[in-house]
Amino acid sequence: MQILLGYFLFTVLLRTGATFQCINCQKEGASTCTDSLKNCNQGENSCLRSLTEIVKDEKTQTNIILSCAPLTHCKNQFIELSYGKGIYVRKQYDCCKTDGCTPPSTKMLPLNTTINGKHCPVCSLETGHCSDDVPLKCTGSAIYCFEATIKDDPKKPVKGCTTESICNILKTYPGPLIGNSAIQDVTCQEAKSDSSSSSLEVFLLALLPMKLFLLSAY
């Protein structure tokens, strides 16, 4: 009996010693945080660093999270999208896969707010109303439009500008993006060029002399 009990305790100690650990901390208004190592849950075998920047009206809010994560979430990637004039959500993810490791601190790419001549539909998160009449002008390398719905409130659509590669990431991205809410049912399409509306105006102006000529003939 004592032998069995000793074997059981030895097995428990082995399992305890093999528990995967990561730094777990969160801090708003900062890009770094630190804490002691904490045991991860079963199935969490990687350490993740998530840096979030929310830009609104030229004001930037930063949030950093270090946590345990499943291997399926261990991806070094960058996400940036815009869903309103002057509103950007930017996330940088870094991870490592060894016990007690500290994920690298990749510097987030600078925000490019230069209008690039593309535009996408945009929706009001307050009313859920979408408008194509006053589109969102895309900036930087964002030449694709995304459309989705808020996961917590599927009746609220969200639309805006991003890149093709990021839009494809959004299709399977599980984390929060709009406030504390995740998005779902993401579709992507190439953004329209601002020149398309200009071309129509030029075409209509070209027809104006002909119209005036026909009117003067009567």
N, C-alpha and C. Protein backbone atom coordinates (compact mmCIF):
# COMPACT_ATOMS: atom_id res chain seq x y z
N MET A 1 0.83 -1.20 0.00
CA MET A 1 0.00 0.00 0.00
C MET A 1 0.87 1.26 0.00
N GLN A 2 1.92 1.24 0.85
CA GLN A 2 2.81 2.39 0.92
C GLN A 2 3.55 2.60 -0.40
N ILE A 3 3.87 1.47 -1.06
CA ILE A 3 4.57 1.57 -2.35
C ILE A 3 3.68 2.24 -3.39
N LEU A 4 2.39 1.85 -3.42
CA LEU A 4 1.45 2.45 -4.36
C LEU A 4 1.25 3.94 -4.08
N LEU A 5 1.16 4.29 -2.78
CA LEU A 5 0.99 5.68 -2.40
C LEU A 5 2.21 6.51 -2.81
N GLY A 6 3.40 5.93 -2.60
CA GLY A 6 4.61 6.64 -2.98
C GLY A 6 4.69 6.84 -4.48
N TYR A 7 4.29 5.83 -5.25
CA TYR A 7 4.29 5.94 -6.71
C TYR A 7 3.32 7.03 -7.18
N PHE A 8 2.14 7.09 -6.51
CA PHE A 8 1.14 8.09 -6.87
C PHE A 8 1.67 9.51 -6.62
N LEU A 9 2.30 9.71 -5.44
CA LEU A 9 2.84 11.03 -5.12
C LEU A 9 3.96 11.41 -6.08
N PHE A 10 4.79 10.42 -6.45
CA PHE A 10 5.88 10.68 -7.39
C PHE A 10 5.34 11.11 -8.75
N THR A 11 4.25 10.45 -9.19
CA THR A 11 3.63 10.79 -10.47
C THR A 11 3.06 12.20 -10.44
N VAL A 12 2.41 12.56 -9.33
CA VAL A 12 1.84 13.91 -9.20
C VAL A 12 2.93 14.97 -9.26
N LEU A 13 4.05 14.68 -8.58
CA LEU A 13 5.16 15.64 -8.58
C LEU A 13 5.74 15.81 -9.98
N LEU A 14 5.83 14.71 -10.71
CA LEU A 14 6.33 14.80 -12.08
C LEU A 14 5.42 15.66 -12.94
N ARG A 15 4.11 15.46 -12.80
CA ARG A 15 3.16 16.23 -13.59
C ARG A 15 3.20 17.71 -13.22
N THR A 16 3.33 17.97 -11.90
CA THR A 16 3.40 19.35 -11.45
C THR A 16 4.63 20.04 -11.99
N GLY A 17 5.75 19.32 -11.98
CA GLY A 17 6.99 19.89 -12.48
C GLY A 17 6.95 20.14 -13.97
N ALA A 18 6.10 19.41 -14.69
CA ALA A 18 6.03 19.54 -16.13
C ALA A 18 5.00 20.57 -16.59
N THR A 19 4.34 21.24 -15.64
CA THR A 19 3.32 22.22 -16.01
C THR A 19 3.94 23.37 -16.79
N PHE A 20 3.32 23.73 -17.91
CA PHE A 20 3.82 24.83 -18.74
C PHE A 20 3.49 26.15 -18.05
N GLN A 21 4.46 27.06 -18.05
CA GLN A 21 4.28 28.34 -17.37
C GLN A 21 4.58 29.51 -18.31
N CYS A 22 3.86 30.61 -18.09
CA CYS A 22 4.08 31.86 -18.83
C CYS A 22 3.88 33.04 -17.89
N ILE A 23 4.43 34.18 -18.28
CA ILE A 23 4.12 35.43 -17.59
C ILE A 23 2.69 35.82 -17.95
N ASN A 24 1.89 36.13 -16.95
CA ASN A 24 0.51 36.58 -17.18
C ASN A 24 0.33 37.96 -16.59
N CYS A 25 0.13 38.97 -17.44
CA CYS A 25 -0.08 40.33 -16.96
C CYS A 25 -0.82 41.13 -18.02
N GLN A 26 -1.40 42.22 -17.59
CA GLN A 26 -2.13 43.12 -18.48
C GLN A 26 -2.00 44.54 -17.96
N LYS A 27 -1.79 45.48 -18.89
CA LYS A 27 -1.64 46.87 -18.47
C LYS A 27 -2.15 47.80 -19.57
N GLU A 28 -3.02 48.72 -19.19
CA GLU A 28 -3.54 49.70 -20.13
C GLU A 28 -2.67 50.95 -20.13
N GLY A 29 -2.56 51.58 -21.29
CA GLY A 29 -1.76 52.79 -21.41
C GLY A 29 -0.28 52.52 -21.43
N ALA A 30 0.12 51.27 -21.72
CA ALA A 30 1.54 50.91 -21.74
C ALA A 30 1.78 49.87 -22.82
N SER A 31 3.05 49.71 -23.19
CA SER A 31 3.42 48.71 -24.19
C SER A 31 4.21 47.56 -23.58
N THR A 32 4.43 47.62 -22.25
CA THR A 32 5.13 46.54 -21.55
C THR A 32 4.44 46.27 -20.22
N CYS A 33 4.57 45.05 -19.73
CA CYS A 33 4.12 44.70 -18.39
C CYS A 33 4.92 43.49 -17.92
N THR A 34 4.94 43.26 -16.63
CA THR A 34 5.71 42.14 -16.10
C THR A 34 5.02 41.57 -14.87
N ASP A 35 5.26 40.30 -14.62
CA ASP A 35 4.70 39.62 -13.46
C ASP A 35 5.45 38.30 -13.30
N SER A 36 5.12 37.56 -12.26
CA SER A 36 5.75 36.27 -12.05
C SER A 36 5.15 35.23 -12.99
N LEU A 37 5.85 34.11 -13.15
CA LEU A 37 5.35 33.02 -13.98
C LEU A 37 4.14 32.37 -13.32
N LYS A 38 3.16 32.00 -14.14
CA LYS A 38 1.97 31.32 -13.64
C LYS A 38 1.70 30.08 -14.47
N ASN A 39 1.11 29.07 -13.83
CA ASN A 39 0.80 27.83 -14.53
C ASN A 39 -0.28 28.05 -15.58
N CYS A 40 -0.09 27.43 -16.73
CA CYS A 40 -1.07 27.52 -17.81
C CYS A 40 -2.09 26.40 -17.68
N ASN A 41 -3.23 26.59 -18.30
CA ASN A 41 -4.25 25.55 -18.33
C ASN A 41 -3.84 24.43 -19.27
N GLN A 42 -4.50 23.32 -19.14
CA GLN A 42 -4.21 22.19 -20.01
C GLN A 42 -4.48 22.57 -21.47
N GLY A 43 -3.55 22.23 -22.33
CA GLY A 43 -3.69 22.56 -23.75
C GLY A 43 -3.06 23.88 -24.13
N GLU A 44 -2.61 24.66 -23.14
CA GLU A 44 -1.93 25.93 -23.41
C GLU A 44 -0.42 25.72 -23.30
N ASN A 45 0.23 25.61 -24.45
CA ASN A 45 1.65 25.28 -24.48
C ASN A 45 2.48 26.33 -25.21
N SER A 46 2.02 27.57 -25.17
CA SER A 46 2.81 28.66 -25.74
C SER A 46 2.51 29.93 -24.95
N CYS A 47 3.43 30.89 -25.04
CA CYS A 47 3.28 32.17 -24.35
C CYS A 47 3.05 33.25 -25.40
N LEU A 48 2.04 34.08 -25.19
CA LEU A 48 1.61 35.05 -26.20
C LEU A 48 1.74 36.48 -25.67
N ARG A 49 2.19 37.36 -26.55
CA ARG A 49 2.21 38.80 -26.27
C ARG A 49 1.29 39.49 -27.26
N SER A 50 0.34 40.25 -26.75
CA SER A 50 -0.63 40.96 -27.59
C SER A 50 -0.57 42.45 -27.28
N LEU A 51 -0.14 43.23 -28.26
CA LEU A 51 -0.08 44.69 -28.12
C LEU A 51 -1.17 45.30 -29.00
N THR A 52 -2.04 46.10 -28.40
CA THR A 52 -3.16 46.70 -29.12
C THR A 52 -3.06 48.21 -29.10
N GLU A 53 -3.29 48.82 -30.26
CA GLU A 53 -3.39 50.27 -30.36
C GLU A 53 -4.74 50.62 -30.98
N ILE A 54 -5.49 51.47 -30.31
CA ILE A 54 -6.75 51.98 -30.86
C ILE A 54 -6.57 53.48 -31.09
N VAL A 55 -6.66 53.87 -32.35
CA VAL A 55 -6.46 55.27 -32.72
C VAL A 55 -7.81 55.87 -33.08
N LYS A 56 -8.15 56.98 -32.43
CA LYS A 56 -9.41 57.67 -32.70
C LYS A 56 -9.20 59.16 -32.54
N ASP A 57 -9.49 59.89 -33.61
CA ASP A 57 -9.33 61.35 -33.60
C ASP A 57 -7.91 61.73 -33.17
N GLU A 58 -6.92 61.02 -33.74
CA GLU A 58 -5.50 61.29 -33.52
C GLU A 58 -5.05 61.01 -32.09
N LYS A 59 -5.90 60.37 -31.28
CA LYS A 59 -5.51 59.96 -29.94
C LYS A 59 -5.33 58.44 -29.92
N THR A 60 -4.24 57.98 -29.31
CA THR A 60 -3.89 56.56 -29.32
C THR A 60 -4.01 55.96 -27.92
N GLN A 61 -4.75 54.87 -27.82
CA GLN A 61 -4.87 54.12 -26.56
C GLN A 61 -4.15 52.78 -26.74
N THR A 62 -3.23 52.48 -25.83
CA THR A 62 -2.41 51.28 -25.93
C THR A 62 -2.75 50.30 -24.82
N ASN A 63 -2.70 49.01 -25.14
CA ASN A 63 -2.98 47.97 -24.15
C ASN A 63 -2.06 46.78 -24.42
N ILE A 64 -1.43 46.24 -23.38
CA ILE A 64 -0.53 45.10 -23.52
C ILE A 64 -1.03 43.93 -22.68
N ILE A 65 -0.96 42.73 -23.25
CA ILE A 65 -1.36 41.51 -22.53
C ILE A 65 -0.30 40.44 -22.77
N LEU A 66 0.18 39.82 -21.71
CA LEU A 66 1.03 38.63 -21.79
C LEU A 66 0.25 37.49 -21.15
N SER A 67 0.16 36.36 -21.84
CA SER A 67 -0.69 35.28 -21.34
C SER A 67 -0.28 33.93 -21.93
N CYS A 68 -0.87 32.88 -21.38
CA CYS A 68 -0.76 31.54 -21.96
C CYS A 68 -1.67 31.45 -23.18
N ALA A 69 -1.36 30.55 -24.09
CA ALA A 69 -2.19 30.39 -25.27
C ALA A 69 -2.00 28.99 -25.86
N PRO A 70 -3.02 28.45 -26.52
CA PRO A 70 -2.85 27.18 -27.24
C PRO A 70 -1.88 27.36 -28.40
N LEU A 71 -1.27 26.28 -28.82
CA LEU A 71 -0.33 26.35 -29.94
C LEU A 71 -0.99 26.88 -31.21
N THR A 72 -2.30 26.62 -31.35
CA THR A 72 -3.01 27.09 -32.55
C THR A 72 -3.10 28.61 -32.60
N HIS A 73 -2.94 29.27 -31.45
CA HIS A 73 -2.99 30.74 -31.40
C HIS A 73 -1.59 31.35 -31.44
N CYS A 74 -0.58 30.49 -31.49
CA CYS A 74 0.80 30.98 -31.45
C CYS A 74 1.23 31.40 -32.86
N LYS A 75 0.91 32.63 -33.20
CA LYS A 75 1.25 33.17 -34.52
C LYS A 75 1.80 34.57 -34.36
N ASN A 76 2.93 34.82 -35.02
CA ASN A 76 3.48 36.16 -35.05
C ASN A 76 2.83 36.90 -36.22
N GLN A 77 1.93 37.82 -35.92
CA GLN A 77 1.21 38.48 -36.99
C GLN A 77 0.82 39.90 -36.59
N PHE A 78 0.51 40.69 -37.62
CA PHE A 78 0.12 42.09 -37.43
C PHE A 78 -1.24 42.30 -38.07
N ILE A 79 -2.13 42.97 -37.36
CA ILE A 79 -3.47 43.26 -37.87
C ILE A 79 -3.71 44.76 -37.79
N GLU A 80 -4.23 45.33 -38.88
CA GLU A 80 -4.61 46.74 -38.88
C GLU A 80 -5.84 46.92 -39.76
N LEU A 81 -6.82 47.61 -39.24
CA LEU A 81 -8.02 47.91 -40.02
C LEU A 81 -8.57 49.26 -39.59
N SER A 82 -9.37 49.84 -40.47
CA SER A 82 -10.04 51.11 -40.18
C SER A 82 -11.52 50.93 -40.46
N TYR A 83 -12.37 51.34 -39.52
CA TYR A 83 -13.81 51.19 -39.72
C TYR A 83 -14.56 52.51 -39.51
N GLY A 84 -13.84 53.62 -39.63
CA GLY A 84 -14.43 54.95 -39.52
C GLY A 84 -13.36 55.99 -39.78
N LYS A 85 -13.78 57.20 -40.07
CA LYS A 85 -12.83 58.27 -40.36
C LYS A 85 -11.93 58.52 -39.15
N GLY A 86 -10.64 58.31 -39.33
CA GLY A 86 -9.68 58.54 -38.25
C GLY A 86 -9.70 57.48 -37.17
N ILE A 87 -10.39 56.33 -37.42
CA ILE A 87 -10.47 55.26 -36.42
C ILE A 87 -9.71 54.04 -36.93
N TYR A 88 -8.73 53.60 -36.16
CA TYR A 88 -7.91 52.44 -36.54
C TYR A 88 -7.80 51.49 -35.36
N VAL A 89 -7.82 50.19 -35.65
CA VAL A 89 -7.50 49.15 -34.67
C VAL A 89 -6.24 48.45 -35.17
N ARG A 90 -5.22 48.39 -34.32
CA ARG A 90 -3.94 47.80 -34.71
C ARG A 90 -3.49 46.82 -33.63
N LYS A 91 -3.09 45.62 -34.04
CA LYS A 91 -2.67 44.59 -33.09
C LYS A 91 -1.39 43.92 -33.59
N GLN A 92 -0.44 43.75 -32.67
CA GLN A 92 0.79 43.03 -32.96
C GLN A 92 0.88 41.83 -32.02
N TYR A 93 1.01 40.63 -32.61
CA TYR A 93 1.09 39.40 -31.82
C TYR A 93 2.48 38.78 -31.97
N ASP A 94 3.04 38.36 -30.83
CA ASP A 94 4.30 37.61 -30.82
C ASP A 94 4.15 36.46 -29.84
N CYS A 95 4.82 35.35 -30.11
CA CYS A 95 4.71 34.22 -29.19
C CYS A 95 5.99 33.41 -29.17
N CYS A 96 6.10 32.55 -28.15
CA CYS A 96 7.21 31.62 -28.03
C CYS A 96 6.67 30.31 -27.47
N LYS A 97 7.43 29.22 -27.65
CA LYS A 97 6.87 27.89 -27.38
C LYS A 97 7.66 27.07 -26.37
N THR A 98 8.51 27.73 -25.58
CA THR A 98 9.25 27.00 -24.56
C THR A 98 8.77 27.41 -23.17
N ASP A 99 8.86 26.51 -22.24
CA ASP A 99 8.35 26.74 -20.88
C ASP A 99 9.01 27.96 -20.24
N GLY A 100 8.18 28.89 -19.76
CA GLY A 100 8.69 30.07 -19.07
C GLY A 100 9.30 31.13 -19.98
N CYS A 101 9.10 31.01 -21.28
CA CYS A 101 9.73 31.94 -22.22
C CYS A 101 9.03 33.30 -22.21
N THR A 102 9.75 34.31 -22.67
CA THR A 102 9.18 35.66 -22.83
C THR A 102 9.07 35.96 -24.32
N PRO A 103 7.86 36.21 -24.82
CA PRO A 103 7.70 36.48 -26.26
C PRO A 103 8.50 37.71 -26.68
N PRO A 104 9.00 37.73 -27.91
CA PRO A 104 9.73 38.90 -28.39
C PRO A 104 8.82 40.13 -28.46
N SER A 105 9.43 41.29 -28.40
CA SER A 105 8.67 42.55 -28.44
C SER A 105 8.88 43.21 -29.80
N THR A 106 8.14 42.72 -30.78
CA THR A 106 8.24 43.30 -32.12
C THR A 106 7.64 44.70 -32.12
N LYS A 107 8.39 45.65 -32.66
CA LYS A 107 7.90 47.02 -32.72
C LYS A 107 6.79 47.14 -33.75
N MET A 108 5.68 47.75 -33.35
CA MET A 108 4.55 47.89 -34.25
C MET A 108 4.89 48.84 -35.40
N LEU A 109 4.43 48.49 -36.59
CA LEU A 109 4.68 49.33 -37.75
C LEU A 109 4.05 50.70 -37.55
N PRO A 110 4.70 51.77 -38.05
CA PRO A 110 4.11 53.10 -37.91
C PRO A 110 2.80 53.22 -38.69
N LEU A 111 1.88 53.99 -38.17
CA LEU A 111 0.58 54.18 -38.82
C LEU A 111 0.73 55.14 -40.00
N ASN A 112 0.25 54.70 -41.15
CA ASN A 112 0.27 55.52 -42.36
C ASN A 112 -1.14 56.04 -42.62
N THR A 113 -1.34 57.34 -42.47
CA THR A 113 -2.67 57.93 -42.65
C THR A 113 -2.81 58.66 -43.98
N THR A 114 -1.87 58.41 -44.90
CA THR A 114 -1.95 59.06 -46.22
C THR A 114 -3.05 58.42 -47.05
N ILE A 115 -3.99 59.22 -47.54
CA ILE A 115 -5.08 58.72 -48.37
C ILE A 115 -4.52 58.15 -49.67
N ASN A 116 -4.94 56.93 -50.03
CA ASN A 116 -4.33 56.23 -51.17
C ASN A 116 -5.20 56.20 -52.43
N GLY A 117 -6.33 56.90 -52.43
CA GLY A 117 -7.17 56.95 -53.62
C GLY A 117 -8.19 55.83 -53.72
N LYS A 118 -8.31 55.00 -52.67
CA LYS A 118 -9.31 53.94 -52.63
C LYS A 118 -10.35 54.27 -51.56
N HIS A 119 -11.54 53.68 -51.69
CA HIS A 119 -12.57 53.91 -50.67
C HIS A 119 -13.42 52.67 -50.48
N CYS A 120 -14.04 52.59 -49.30
CA CYS A 120 -14.89 51.45 -48.93
C CYS A 120 -16.15 51.95 -48.24
N PRO A 121 -17.22 51.15 -48.24
CA PRO A 121 -18.42 51.50 -47.46
C PRO A 121 -18.08 51.54 -45.98
N VAL A 122 -18.88 52.25 -45.22
CA VAL A 122 -18.66 52.36 -43.78
C VAL A 122 -20.01 52.33 -43.07
N CYS A 123 -20.02 51.84 -41.83
CA CYS A 123 -21.26 51.72 -41.06
C CYS A 123 -21.12 52.45 -39.72
N SER A 124 -22.24 52.91 -39.20
CA SER A 124 -22.26 53.51 -37.87
C SER A 124 -22.50 52.41 -36.85
N LEU A 125 -21.59 52.25 -35.89
CA LEU A 125 -21.75 51.22 -34.87
C LEU A 125 -22.89 51.56 -33.92
N GLU A 126 -23.23 52.85 -33.82
CA GLU A 126 -24.31 53.26 -32.93
C GLU A 126 -25.67 52.89 -33.51
N THR A 127 -25.87 53.17 -34.80
CA THR A 127 -27.19 52.95 -35.41
C THR A 127 -27.25 51.69 -36.27
N GLY A 128 -26.08 51.17 -36.70
CA GLY A 128 -26.06 50.03 -37.59
C GLY A 128 -26.31 50.41 -39.04
N HIS A 129 -26.45 51.72 -39.31
CA HIS A 129 -26.72 52.19 -40.67
C HIS A 129 -25.42 52.24 -41.48
N CYS A 130 -25.47 51.72 -42.70
CA CYS A 130 -24.31 51.73 -43.59
C CYS A 130 -24.57 52.69 -44.75
N SER A 131 -23.51 53.32 -45.23
CA SER A 131 -23.66 54.30 -46.30
C SER A 131 -22.59 54.11 -47.36
N ASP A 132 -23.04 54.09 -48.62
CA ASP A 132 -22.11 54.10 -49.74
C ASP A 132 -21.96 55.52 -50.30
N ASP A 133 -22.86 56.42 -49.86
CA ASP A 133 -22.83 57.79 -50.38
C ASP A 133 -21.63 58.57 -49.84
N VAL A 134 -21.30 58.32 -48.58
CA VAL A 134 -20.14 58.98 -47.97
C VAL A 134 -19.16 57.89 -47.54
N PRO A 135 -18.38 57.35 -48.48
CA PRO A 135 -17.52 56.21 -48.18
C PRO A 135 -16.32 56.60 -47.32
N LEU A 136 -15.69 55.58 -46.78
CA LEU A 136 -14.47 55.76 -45.99
C LEU A 136 -13.28 55.78 -46.93
N LYS A 137 -12.48 56.82 -46.88
CA LYS A 137 -11.28 56.91 -47.71
C LYS A 137 -10.17 56.08 -47.07
N CYS A 138 -9.65 55.12 -47.83
CA CYS A 138 -8.62 54.23 -47.31
C CYS A 138 -7.26 54.93 -47.26
N THR A 139 -6.40 54.45 -46.38
CA THR A 139 -5.08 55.05 -46.21
C THR A 139 -3.99 53.99 -46.26
N GLY A 140 -2.76 54.46 -46.48
CA GLY A 140 -1.61 53.56 -46.46
C GLY A 140 -1.72 52.46 -47.50
N SER A 141 -1.47 51.22 -47.08
CA SER A 141 -1.51 50.07 -47.99
C SER A 141 -2.86 49.37 -47.99
N ALA A 142 -3.86 49.95 -47.33
CA ALA A 142 -5.20 49.34 -47.26
C ALA A 142 -5.95 49.58 -48.56
N ILE A 143 -5.98 48.57 -49.42
CA ILE A 143 -6.67 48.70 -50.71
C ILE A 143 -7.77 47.65 -50.85
N TYR A 144 -8.17 47.05 -49.72
CA TYR A 144 -9.26 46.08 -49.72
C TYR A 144 -10.34 46.51 -48.73
N CYS A 145 -11.58 46.15 -49.04
CA CYS A 145 -12.70 46.42 -48.15
C CYS A 145 -13.07 45.13 -47.41
N PHE A 146 -13.40 45.26 -46.15
CA PHE A 146 -13.91 44.11 -45.40
C PHE A 146 -15.33 44.41 -44.93
N GLU A 147 -16.14 43.38 -44.86
CA GLU A 147 -17.49 43.48 -44.31
C GLU A 147 -17.66 42.36 -43.30
N ALA A 148 -18.28 42.66 -42.16
CA ALA A 148 -18.47 41.66 -41.12
C ALA A 148 -19.64 42.08 -40.24
N THR A 149 -19.93 41.27 -39.23
CA THR A 149 -20.93 41.62 -38.23
C THR A 149 -20.30 41.45 -36.85
N ILE A 150 -20.82 42.21 -35.88
CA ILE A 150 -20.35 42.08 -34.51
C ILE A 150 -20.86 40.76 -33.94
N LYS A 151 -19.97 39.96 -33.38
CA LYS A 151 -20.36 38.63 -32.90
C LYS A 151 -21.39 38.70 -31.78
N ASP A 152 -21.25 39.70 -30.89
CA ASP A 152 -22.19 39.84 -29.78
C ASP A 152 -23.54 40.39 -30.23
N ASP A 153 -23.55 41.03 -31.40
CA ASP A 153 -24.78 41.63 -31.92
C ASP A 153 -24.78 41.52 -33.44
N PRO A 154 -25.18 40.34 -33.97
CA PRO A 154 -25.09 40.08 -35.41
C PRO A 154 -25.85 41.07 -36.28
N LYS A 155 -26.78 41.83 -35.70
CA LYS A 155 -27.53 42.80 -36.49
C LYS A 155 -26.71 44.06 -36.76
N LYS A 156 -25.57 44.19 -36.09
CA LYS A 156 -24.73 45.37 -36.29
C LYS A 156 -23.60 45.04 -37.26
N PRO A 157 -23.66 45.58 -38.47
CA PRO A 157 -22.58 45.34 -39.43
C PRO A 157 -21.41 46.29 -39.16
N VAL A 158 -20.24 45.88 -39.62
CA VAL A 158 -19.06 46.74 -39.55
C VAL A 158 -18.33 46.60 -40.88
N LYS A 159 -17.95 47.73 -41.46
CA LYS A 159 -17.27 47.75 -42.75
C LYS A 159 -16.12 48.73 -42.69
N GLY A 160 -15.12 48.51 -43.55
CA GLY A 160 -14.01 49.44 -43.57
C GLY A 160 -12.89 48.99 -44.49
N CYS A 161 -11.70 49.55 -44.25
CA CYS A 161 -10.54 49.32 -45.11
C CYS A 161 -9.49 48.48 -44.39
N THR A 162 -8.79 47.64 -45.16
CA THR A 162 -7.65 46.88 -44.66
C THR A 162 -6.86 46.38 -45.86
N THR A 163 -5.91 45.49 -45.64
CA THR A 163 -5.17 44.90 -46.75
C THR A 163 -5.76 43.53 -47.08
N GLU A 164 -5.40 42.98 -48.22
CA GLU A 164 -5.93 41.68 -48.62
C GLU A 164 -5.49 40.58 -47.65
N SER A 165 -4.21 40.59 -47.27
CA SER A 165 -3.70 39.54 -46.38
C SER A 165 -4.33 39.62 -45.00
N ILE A 166 -4.50 40.84 -44.48
CA ILE A 166 -5.12 40.99 -43.16
C ILE A 166 -6.59 40.61 -43.22
N CYS A 167 -7.25 40.94 -44.31
CA CYS A 167 -8.67 40.59 -44.44
C CYS A 167 -8.85 39.08 -44.38
N ASN A 168 -7.93 38.34 -44.99
CA ASN A 168 -8.01 36.88 -44.93
C ASN A 168 -7.76 36.36 -43.52
N ILE A 169 -6.89 37.05 -42.76
CA ILE A 169 -6.67 36.67 -41.36
C ILE A 169 -7.94 36.89 -40.54
N LEU A 170 -8.66 37.97 -40.84
CA LEU A 170 -9.87 38.31 -40.08
C LEU A 170 -10.93 37.22 -40.18
N LYS A 171 -10.92 36.45 -41.26
CA LYS A 171 -11.94 35.42 -41.47
C LYS A 171 -11.92 34.35 -40.38
N THR A 172 -10.74 34.12 -39.80
CA THR A 172 -10.63 33.08 -38.76
C THR A 172 -10.11 33.65 -37.44
N TYR A 173 -9.99 34.97 -37.34
CA TYR A 173 -9.44 35.58 -36.13
C TYR A 173 -10.47 35.51 -35.00
N PRO A 174 -10.12 34.91 -33.84
CA PRO A 174 -11.11 34.69 -32.78
C PRO A 174 -11.19 35.80 -31.73
N GLY A 175 -10.20 36.68 -31.69
CA GLY A 175 -10.12 37.64 -30.60
C GLY A 175 -10.95 38.90 -30.82
N PRO A 176 -11.05 39.75 -29.78
CA PRO A 176 -11.81 41.00 -29.90
C PRO A 176 -11.11 42.00 -30.81
N LEU A 177 -11.90 42.72 -31.60
CA LEU A 177 -11.36 43.72 -32.52
C LEU A 177 -12.08 45.06 -32.39
N ILE A 178 -13.41 45.01 -32.31
CA ILE A 178 -14.20 46.23 -32.20
C ILE A 178 -14.62 46.38 -30.74
N GLY A 179 -13.90 47.21 -30.00
CA GLY A 179 -14.13 47.28 -28.56
C GLY A 179 -13.72 45.96 -27.94
N ASN A 180 -14.63 45.36 -27.18
CA ASN A 180 -14.37 44.04 -26.58
C ASN A 180 -15.03 42.92 -27.35
N SER A 181 -15.50 43.22 -28.55
CA SER A 181 -16.26 42.24 -29.32
C SER A 181 -15.45 41.70 -30.50
N ALA A 182 -15.65 40.42 -30.77
CA ALA A 182 -15.07 39.80 -31.96
C ALA A 182 -16.00 40.05 -33.14
N ILE A 183 -15.50 39.78 -34.35
CA ILE A 183 -16.33 39.92 -35.54
C ILE A 183 -16.46 38.56 -36.22
N GLN A 184 -17.47 38.42 -37.07
CA GLN A 184 -17.73 37.15 -37.74
C GLN A 184 -18.25 37.41 -39.15
N ASP A 185 -18.37 36.33 -39.93
CA ASP A 185 -18.90 36.40 -41.30
C ASP A 185 -18.15 37.44 -42.14
N VAL A 186 -16.83 37.38 -42.08
CA VAL A 186 -16.00 38.36 -42.78
C VAL A 186 -15.92 38.04 -44.27
N THR A 187 -16.13 39.05 -45.09
CA THR A 187 -15.92 38.94 -46.54
C THR A 187 -14.97 40.04 -46.98
N CYS A 188 -14.27 39.79 -48.08
CA CYS A 188 -13.27 40.73 -48.57
C CYS A 188 -13.49 41.01 -50.05
N GLN A 189 -13.23 42.23 -50.45
CA GLN A 189 -13.24 42.57 -51.86
C GLN A 189 -12.34 43.78 -52.10
N GLU A 190 -11.84 43.89 -53.31
CA GLU A 190 -10.94 44.98 -53.63
C GLU A 190 -11.68 46.31 -53.55
N ALA A 191 -11.03 47.30 -52.97
CA ALA A 191 -11.64 48.61 -52.80
C ALA A 191 -11.78 49.32 -54.15
N LYS A 192 -12.81 50.14 -54.25
CA LYS A 192 -13.02 50.91 -55.46
C LYS A 192 -12.10 52.13 -55.47
N SER A 193 -11.75 52.54 -56.67
CA SER A 193 -10.88 53.70 -56.81
C SER A 193 -11.70 54.97 -56.83
N ASP A 194 -11.16 56.01 -56.20
CA ASP A 194 -11.84 57.31 -56.22
C ASP A 194 -11.97 57.85 -57.63
N SER A 195 -11.10 57.39 -58.53
CA SER A 195 -11.11 57.89 -59.91
C SER A 195 -12.33 57.43 -60.66
N SER A 196 -13.01 56.36 -60.18
CA SER A 196 -14.19 55.87 -60.88
C SER A 196 -15.30 56.90 -60.87
N SER A 197 -15.48 57.57 -59.72
CA SER A 197 -16.49 58.61 -59.66
C SER A 197 -16.07 59.83 -60.47
N SER A 198 -14.73 60.10 -60.47
CA SER A 198 -14.23 61.23 -61.23
C SER A 198 -14.43 61.00 -62.72
N SER A 199 -14.23 59.75 -63.16
CA SER A 199 -14.41 59.42 -64.57
C SER A 199 -15.85 59.63 -65.00
N LEU A 200 -16.79 59.29 -64.11
CA LEU A 200 -18.20 59.50 -64.43
C LEU A 200 -18.50 60.98 -64.57
N GLU A 201 -17.92 61.78 -63.68
CA GLU A 201 -18.14 63.22 -63.76
C GLU A 201 -17.59 63.78 -65.06
N VAL A 202 -16.40 63.30 -65.47
CA VAL A 202 -15.79 63.76 -66.72
C VAL A 202 -16.67 63.38 -67.90
N PHE A 203 -17.23 62.16 -67.86
CA PHE A 203 -18.09 61.68 -68.94
C PHE A 203 -19.34 62.55 -69.05
N LEU A 204 -19.95 62.88 -67.91
CA LEU A 204 -21.16 63.70 -67.92
C LEU A 204 -20.86 65.11 -68.40
N LEU A 205 -19.70 65.63 -68.00
CA LEU A 205 -19.32 66.96 -68.45
C LEU A 205 -19.07 66.98 -69.96
N ALA A 206 -18.55 65.85 -70.48
CA ALA A 206 -18.29 65.77 -71.91
C ALA A 206 -19.59 65.78 -72.70
N LEU A 207 -20.66 65.27 -72.10
CA LEU A 207 -21.96 65.25 -72.77
C LEU A 207 -22.67 66.60 -72.72
N LEU A 208 -22.24 67.48 -71.82
CA LEU A 208 -22.92 68.76 -71.64
C LEU A 208 -22.93 69.62 -72.90
N PRO A 209 -21.80 69.80 -73.63
CA PRO A 209 -21.84 70.62 -74.85
C PRO A 209 -22.81 70.06 -75.89
N MET A 210 -22.87 68.72 -76.01
CA MET A 210 -23.78 68.11 -76.97
C MET A 210 -25.23 68.40 -76.60
N LYS A 211 -25.52 68.34 -75.29
CA LYS A 211 -26.87 68.62 -74.83
C LYS A 211 -27.25 70.07 -75.11
N LEU A 212 -26.31 70.99 -74.88
CA LEU A 212 -26.57 72.40 -75.13
C LEU A 212 -26.78 72.66 -76.62
N PHE A 213 -26.01 71.93 -77.46
CA PHE A 213 -26.15 72.08 -78.91
C PHE A 213 -27.52 71.62 -79.37
N LEU A 214 -27.97 70.48 -78.84
CA LEU A 214 -29.28 69.95 -79.23
C LEU A 214 -30.40 70.87 -78.78
N LEU A 215 -30.26 71.46 -77.60
CA LEU A 215 -31.28 72.38 -77.10
C LEU A 215 -31.33 73.65 -77.94
N SER A 216 -30.17 74.12 -78.39
CA SER A 216 -30.13 75.35 -79.18
C SER A 216 -30.68 75.14 -80.58
N ALA A 217 -30.71 73.87 -81.02
CA ALA A 217 -31.19 73.58 -82.37
C ALA A 217 -32.71 73.67 -82.45
N TYR A 218 -33.37 73.61 -81.30
CA TYR A 218 -34.85 73.67 -81.30
C TYR A 218 -35.35 75.09 -81.09
